[in-house]
Protein backbone atom coordinates (compact mmCIF):
# COMPACT_ATOMS: atom_id res chain seq x y z
CA MET A 1 -5.99 -10.07 3.04
CA PRO A 2 -9.26 -8.17 2.49
CA VAL A 3 -9.05 -4.40 2.34
CA VAL A 4 -10.46 -2.71 5.45
CA LEU A 5 -11.06 1.03 5.27
CA ASP A 6 -10.11 3.27 8.17
CA PRO A 7 -13.28 4.49 9.95
CA ASP A 8 -12.94 8.02 8.57
CA ALA A 9 -12.34 6.73 5.03
CA ALA A 10 -15.37 4.45 5.34
CA ALA A 11 -17.47 7.42 6.49
CA VAL A 12 -16.34 9.54 3.54
CA PHE A 13 -17.02 6.70 1.11
CA LYS A 14 -20.52 6.30 2.57
CA ALA A 15 -21.15 10.04 2.29
CA PHE A 16 -20.17 10.02 -1.37
CA ARG A 17 -22.50 7.09 -2.05
CA ASP A 18 -25.37 8.63 -0.07
CA ALA A 19 -24.99 11.89 -1.98
CA GLY A 20 -25.92 10.03 -5.16
CA ARG A 21 -23.05 11.45 -7.18
CA PRO A 22 -23.19 10.15 -10.75
CA PRO A 23 -20.26 7.92 -11.77
CA TYR A 24 -17.70 9.83 -13.81
CA GLU A 25 -18.02 7.43 -16.71
CA THR A 26 -21.68 8.44 -17.16
CA LEU A 27 -20.71 12.09 -17.67
CA THR A 28 -19.12 14.12 -20.40
CA PRO A 29 -15.53 15.22 -19.75
CA ALA A 30 -16.76 18.77 -19.07
CA GLU A 31 -19.36 17.53 -16.57
CA ALA A 32 -16.79 15.29 -14.86
CA ARG A 33 -14.37 18.20 -14.54
CA ALA A 34 -17.03 20.40 -12.97
CA LEU A 35 -18.01 17.68 -10.49
CA TYR A 36 -14.41 16.98 -9.51
CA LEU A 37 -13.66 20.68 -9.08
CA GLN A 38 -16.80 21.20 -6.99
CA SER A 39 -15.87 18.36 -4.63
CA ARG A 40 -12.77 20.22 -3.46
CA LEU A 41 -14.98 22.62 -1.50
CA VAL A 42 -16.06 19.72 0.71
CA THR A 43 -12.82 17.75 0.93
CA ASN A 44 -9.89 20.19 0.82
CA PRO A 45 -8.54 21.55 4.12
CA GLU A 46 -7.93 25.23 4.73
CA PRO A 47 -4.79 26.32 2.89
CA PRO A 48 -1.83 27.67 4.84
CA GLU A 49 -0.82 31.30 4.46
CA LEU A 50 2.00 31.71 1.95
CA LYS A 51 4.21 34.62 0.98
CA SER A 52 2.77 34.56 -2.54
CA VAL A 53 0.86 32.48 -5.07
CA GLN A 54 1.39 33.71 -8.60
CA PRO A 55 0.31 32.56 -12.07
CA LEU A 56 3.06 31.47 -14.41
CA SER A 57 2.94 30.95 -18.17
CA ILE A 58 5.45 28.50 -19.60
CA PRO A 59 6.11 28.74 -23.34
CA SER A 60 5.96 25.58 -25.41
CA PRO A 61 5.72 24.64 -29.11
CA SER A 62 2.07 23.69 -28.54
CA GLY A 63 1.11 26.92 -26.80
CA ALA A 64 1.54 28.41 -23.36
CA ILE A 65 1.36 25.97 -20.43
CA PRO A 66 -0.45 27.47 -17.41
CA ALA A 67 1.29 27.00 -14.09
CA ARG A 68 1.17 28.36 -10.57
CA ILE A 69 4.14 29.18 -8.33
CA CYS A 70 3.68 28.87 -4.58
CA THR A 71 6.27 30.58 -2.37
CA PRO A 72 6.04 30.01 1.40
CA THR A 73 6.82 32.57 4.04
CA LYS A 74 9.69 30.44 5.33
CA LEU A 75 11.98 29.30 2.54
CA ARG A 76 15.10 27.14 2.70
CA GLN A 77 17.42 29.40 0.75
CA ALA A 78 21.12 29.04 0.05
CA GLY A 79 22.75 31.88 -1.79
CA GLY A 80 19.33 33.40 -2.35
CA LEU A 81 18.01 30.28 -4.12
CA ALA A 82 15.56 27.67 -2.84
CA PRO A 83 14.66 24.07 -3.65
CA CYS A 84 11.64 23.50 -5.88
CA LEU A 85 9.07 20.77 -6.45
CA VAL A 86 7.45 20.72 -9.90
CA PHE A 87 4.02 19.19 -9.24
CA PHE A 88 1.73 17.50 -11.78
CA HIS A 89 -1.88 17.16 -10.64
CA GLY A 90 -3.91 13.98 -10.80
CA GLY A 91 -7.33 13.49 -12.33
CA GLY A 92 -6.93 10.69 -14.86
CA TRP A 93 -5.15 12.99 -17.37
CA MET A 94 -8.67 14.41 -17.85
CA ILE A 95 -10.37 16.18 -14.96
CA GLY A 96 -7.78 17.72 -12.62
CA ASP A 97 -6.39 21.24 -12.86
CA LEU A 98 -4.46 23.85 -10.89
CA ASP A 99 -7.44 24.54 -8.62
CA THR A 100 -8.26 20.93 -7.72
CA HIS A 101 -4.74 20.52 -6.32
CA ASP A 102 -4.07 24.06 -5.15
CA VAL A 103 -4.32 23.33 -1.43
CA VAL A 104 -1.98 20.32 -1.44
CA CYS A 105 0.60 22.33 -3.39
CA ARG A 106 0.35 25.13 -0.84
CA LYS A 107 0.72 22.63 2.01
CA LEU A 108 3.81 21.06 0.47
CA ALA A 109 5.34 24.50 -0.11
CA HIS A 110 4.57 25.60 3.46
CA GLU A 111 5.67 22.46 5.27
CA GLY A 112 8.57 21.67 2.95
CA GLU A 113 9.79 25.28 3.03
CA LEU A 114 10.35 25.19 -0.73
CA ILE A 115 8.88 26.61 -3.90
CA VAL A 116 6.18 24.48 -5.53
CA ILE A 117 5.30 25.02 -9.17
CA SER A 118 2.06 23.31 -10.20
CA VAL A 119 1.84 22.58 -13.94
CA ASP A 120 -1.48 22.41 -15.82
CA TYR A 121 -0.71 20.15 -18.78
CA ARG A 122 -3.06 19.59 -21.72
CA ARG A 123 -5.86 17.17 -20.88
CA ALA A 124 -7.60 14.32 -22.65
CA PRO A 125 -9.73 13.65 -24.58
CA GLU A 126 -9.17 16.93 -26.41
CA HIS A 127 -5.43 16.26 -26.23
CA LYS A 128 -4.56 12.60 -26.12
CA PHE A 129 -1.28 10.89 -25.30
CA PRO A 130 1.48 12.03 -25.49
CA ALA A 131 0.35 15.68 -25.16
CA ALA A 132 0.42 15.65 -21.34
CA VAL A 133 3.86 14.02 -21.34
CA GLU A 134 5.23 16.58 -23.78
CA ASP A 135 3.93 19.45 -21.66
CA ALA A 136 5.35 17.96 -18.45
CA ILE A 137 8.80 17.54 -19.99
CA VAL A 138 8.80 20.97 -21.63
CA ALA A 139 7.67 22.64 -18.41
CA THR A 140 10.32 20.93 -16.30
CA LYS A 141 13.09 21.83 -18.75
CA TRP A 142 11.92 25.46 -18.91
CA ILE A 143 11.80 25.75 -15.11
CA ALA A 144 15.34 24.38 -14.87
CA ARG A 145 16.63 26.77 -17.55
CA ASN A 146 15.00 29.75 -15.84
CA ALA A 147 15.66 28.59 -12.29
CA GLY A 148 17.73 31.60 -11.25
CA GLN A 149 15.07 34.07 -12.36
CA LEU A 150 12.47 32.10 -10.39
CA GLY A 151 14.61 32.05 -7.25
CA ILE A 152 15.19 28.30 -7.64
CA ASP A 153 18.35 26.31 -7.12
CA ALA A 154 18.41 24.07 -10.20
CA SER A 155 20.50 21.50 -8.35
CA ARG A 156 17.62 21.09 -5.87
CA LEU A 157 14.82 20.55 -8.40
CA ALA A 158 12.43 17.64 -7.87
CA VAL A 159 9.27 16.47 -9.61
CA GLY A 160 6.15 14.93 -8.15
CA GLY A 161 2.47 14.31 -8.53
CA ASP A 162 -0.48 12.14 -7.59
CA SER A 163 -2.12 9.42 -9.70
CA ALA A 164 -1.92 10.62 -13.33
CA GLY A 165 0.45 13.30 -12.07
CA GLY A 166 2.59 10.63 -10.43
CA ASN A 167 2.68 8.89 -13.79
CA LEU A 168 3.90 12.09 -15.45
CA ALA A 169 6.51 12.70 -12.75
CA ALA A 170 7.87 9.18 -13.25
CA VAL A 171 8.01 9.70 -17.02
CA VAL A 172 9.71 13.09 -16.67
CA SER A 173 12.33 11.48 -14.42
CA LEU A 174 13.00 8.75 -16.98
CA ALA A 175 13.24 11.29 -19.80
CA ALA A 176 15.60 13.47 -17.76
CA ARG A 177 17.80 10.49 -16.94
CA ASP A 178 18.05 9.77 -20.65
CA GLY A 179 19.05 13.33 -21.51
CA ASN A 180 15.68 14.94 -22.27
CA GLY A 181 15.57 17.12 -19.20
CA PRO A 182 17.57 18.46 -16.29
CA ASP A 183 19.28 16.46 -13.58
CA LEU A 184 16.68 15.95 -10.89
CA ALA A 185 17.24 15.77 -7.15
CA GLY A 186 14.22 13.57 -6.46
CA GLN A 187 10.76 12.39 -7.44
CA VAL A 188 7.58 12.07 -5.37
CA LEU A 189 5.12 9.48 -6.70
CA ILE A 190 1.77 9.56 -4.90
CA TYR A 191 -0.28 6.46 -5.79
CA PRO A 192 1.16 6.64 -9.31
CA ALA A 193 -0.25 4.99 -12.42
CA THR A 194 2.67 3.05 -13.85
CA ASP A 195 1.28 0.33 -16.14
CA PHE A 196 -1.69 0.53 -18.50
CA ALA A 197 -1.89 -3.25 -18.76
CA LEU A 198 -4.22 -3.06 -15.72
CA THR A 199 -3.45 -6.69 -14.91
CA HIS A 200 -2.21 -6.38 -11.34
CA PRO A 201 -4.48 -8.08 -8.78
CA SER A 202 -5.56 -4.76 -7.25
CA HIS A 203 -7.27 -3.93 -10.56
CA SER A 204 -9.75 -6.75 -10.00
CA ASP A 205 -10.06 -6.80 -6.20
CA PRO A 206 -13.58 -5.64 -5.22
CA GLY A 207 -12.09 -4.02 -2.12
CA THR A 208 -10.12 -1.51 -4.19
CA SER A 209 -12.98 -0.32 -6.42
CA ILE A 210 -13.74 2.70 -4.25
CA LEU A 211 -14.33 6.17 -5.75
CA LEU A 212 -11.66 5.40 -8.35
CA THR A 213 -13.53 2.32 -9.48
CA HIS A 214 -12.18 -0.27 -11.86
CA THR A 215 -14.61 1.02 -14.48
CA VAL A 216 -13.45 4.62 -14.06
CA VAL A 217 -9.81 3.55 -14.45
CA LYS A 218 -10.65 2.10 -17.88
CA TRP A 219 -12.70 5.20 -18.75
CA PHE A 220 -9.71 7.43 -18.06
CA ARG A 221 -7.42 5.09 -20.01
CA ASP A 222 -9.68 5.01 -23.04
CA HIS A 223 -9.93 8.80 -23.13
CA TYR A 224 -6.18 9.34 -22.66
CA LEU A 225 -4.66 6.77 -25.00
CA ASN A 226 -5.17 6.78 -28.75
CA ASP A 227 -5.39 2.97 -28.64
CA LEU A 228 -4.33 0.20 -26.28
CA ALA A 229 -0.98 -0.11 -28.08
CA ASP A 230 0.00 3.25 -26.57
CA GLY A 231 0.04 1.51 -23.21
CA GLN A 232 3.18 -0.36 -24.26
CA ASP A 233 5.07 2.93 -24.58
CA TRP A 234 7.14 3.77 -21.48
CA ARG A 235 5.95 7.36 -21.78
CA ALA A 236 2.46 6.07 -20.96
CA SER A 237 3.52 3.15 -18.76
CA PRO A 238 6.82 4.00 -17.04
CA ALA A 239 6.95 0.43 -15.75
CA ARG A 240 7.65 -0.56 -19.36
CA ALA A 241 11.00 1.26 -19.31
CA ARG A 242 13.82 -1.23 -19.89
CA SER A 243 15.69 -0.08 -16.80
CA LEU A 244 14.94 2.08 -13.79
CA ALA A 245 18.61 2.46 -12.87
CA GLY A 246 20.02 5.94 -12.52
CA LEU A 247 16.81 7.60 -11.38
CA PRO A 248 16.88 10.12 -8.51
CA PRO A 249 15.90 9.36 -4.91
CA THR A 250 12.22 8.51 -4.85
CA TYR A 251 9.30 8.68 -2.43
CA VAL A 252 6.44 6.30 -3.32
CA LEU A 253 3.08 6.48 -1.54
CA THR A 254 0.36 3.87 -2.02
CA ALA A 255 -3.10 3.33 -0.56
CA GLY A 256 -4.54 -0.06 0.34
CA ALA A 257 -8.00 0.47 -1.16
CA ASP A 258 -6.69 1.62 -4.52
CA PRO A 259 -6.71 -0.11 -7.92
CA LEU A 260 -3.20 1.29 -8.46
CA HIS A 261 -1.87 -0.17 -5.19
CA ASP A 262 -0.02 -3.16 -6.65
CA GLU A 263 1.59 -1.39 -9.59
CA GLY A 264 2.81 1.39 -7.31
CA ASN A 265 4.38 -1.06 -4.91
CA GLU A 266 5.90 -3.07 -7.75
CA TYR A 267 7.40 0.08 -9.26
CA ALA A 268 8.95 0.97 -5.89
CA ALA A 269 10.40 -2.54 -5.60
CA ARG A 270 11.88 -2.32 -9.09
CA LEU A 271 13.44 1.03 -8.27
CA LYS A 272 15.07 -0.49 -5.19
CA ASP A 273 16.31 -3.46 -7.21
CA ALA A 274 17.83 -1.00 -9.69
CA GLY A 275 19.82 0.67 -6.94
CA VAL A 276 17.65 3.75 -6.51
CA ALA A 277 17.23 5.18 -3.00
CA VAL A 278 13.53 4.64 -2.31
CA THR A 279 11.27 5.59 0.59
CA THR A 280 7.92 3.80 0.56
CA ARG A 281 4.80 4.60 2.54
CA THR A 282 1.51 2.71 2.44
CA PHE A 283 -1.76 3.89 3.97
CA PRO A 284 -3.58 0.53 4.09
CA GLY A 285 -6.98 1.86 5.16
CA GLN A 286 -7.24 4.73 2.67
CA PHE A 287 -8.60 4.86 -0.87
CA HIS A 288 -7.25 6.42 -4.04
CA GLY A 289 -7.56 10.21 -3.98
CA PHE A 290 -7.38 10.58 -0.21
CA PHE A 291 -4.30 12.83 -0.42
CA THR A 292 -6.34 15.92 -1.36
CA MET A 293 -9.05 15.28 1.26
CA GLY A 294 -7.36 16.66 4.36
CA LYS A 295 -10.54 18.38 5.55
CA LEU A 296 -12.16 14.97 6.09
CA LEU A 297 -9.24 12.55 6.33
CA PRO A 298 -6.48 13.29 8.87
CA GLN A 299 -4.23 10.73 7.18
CA ALA A 300 -4.06 13.05 4.16
CA ASN A 301 -2.41 15.70 6.31
CA VAL A 302 -0.06 13.10 7.76
CA ALA A 303 0.93 12.14 4.23
CA ALA A 304 1.56 15.75 3.21
CA SER A 305 3.70 16.35 6.30
CA GLU A 306 5.73 13.20 5.72
CA ILE A 307 6.35 14.10 2.09
CA ALA A 308 7.37 17.62 3.10
CA GLY A 309 9.75 16.12 5.65
CA TRP A 310 11.24 13.84 3.01
CA LEU A 311 11.77 16.80 0.70
CA LYS A 312 13.49 18.75 3.48
CA ALA A 313 15.80 15.82 4.20
CA LEU A 314 16.50 15.46 0.48
CA ASN A 315 18.04 18.90 0.12
């Protein structure tokens, strides 16, 4: 069936086109980062009031990893400790940062009544694969080891992210299952990138080449990977893992007008087949990236509330 955008998504898409924004692939990485960061002023909703938002520096062999810890006013504590979501931002492993995803992290903390720690991993092309993966794993392990000091219940630690961040969350979960990380209570995969083969039908459907165009997907890939052979590595393409059994309960969100739609749905199906408890949610009339656009797209706020509800039910 052809992809049909929701009216509000169609209006936003038209506004982006009418604004004459240059395609990301015509820019330098620095220019693309500045453009992506600037767009948040137009698309991000007002953030909820939290008890505190504090910078955090996570030590690693490759240098300190910047992070941000969001603590809501209402917190689901047990014995003085609260659940935590470690969040990895999207942006093609290249252009996102703590600020581009600050509001969604605050919303998840507020509505989920849990601590959210947003991790700012090293970005391509200055730091190619597997630098982002290494940072994501190191950060998650450090948070688990220092959970008590952070007010976190390590037994209620989940990971999540959108797009490239969803990819990193999936990889962290696989690494943790295999002993390179803590036991995780859950993972939230928001339109995740799972397979660098880029051969799923949604990667060639004209109806999915919206904002995150098919050309931009390849531009991100070529900046992130050292060569196409890296895409065979499960740390780049979690769908290439031999088995998905033993992973924690998972929430998978996909969007209909998204090049990553098919690989996200296939990954969710494989998780179910492997015996993992999976909740799936598709927004058929939305495009990739809508999750951070709650100022313009009400469905983004619906998605955040549903994810927060899932996290509350999880622990």
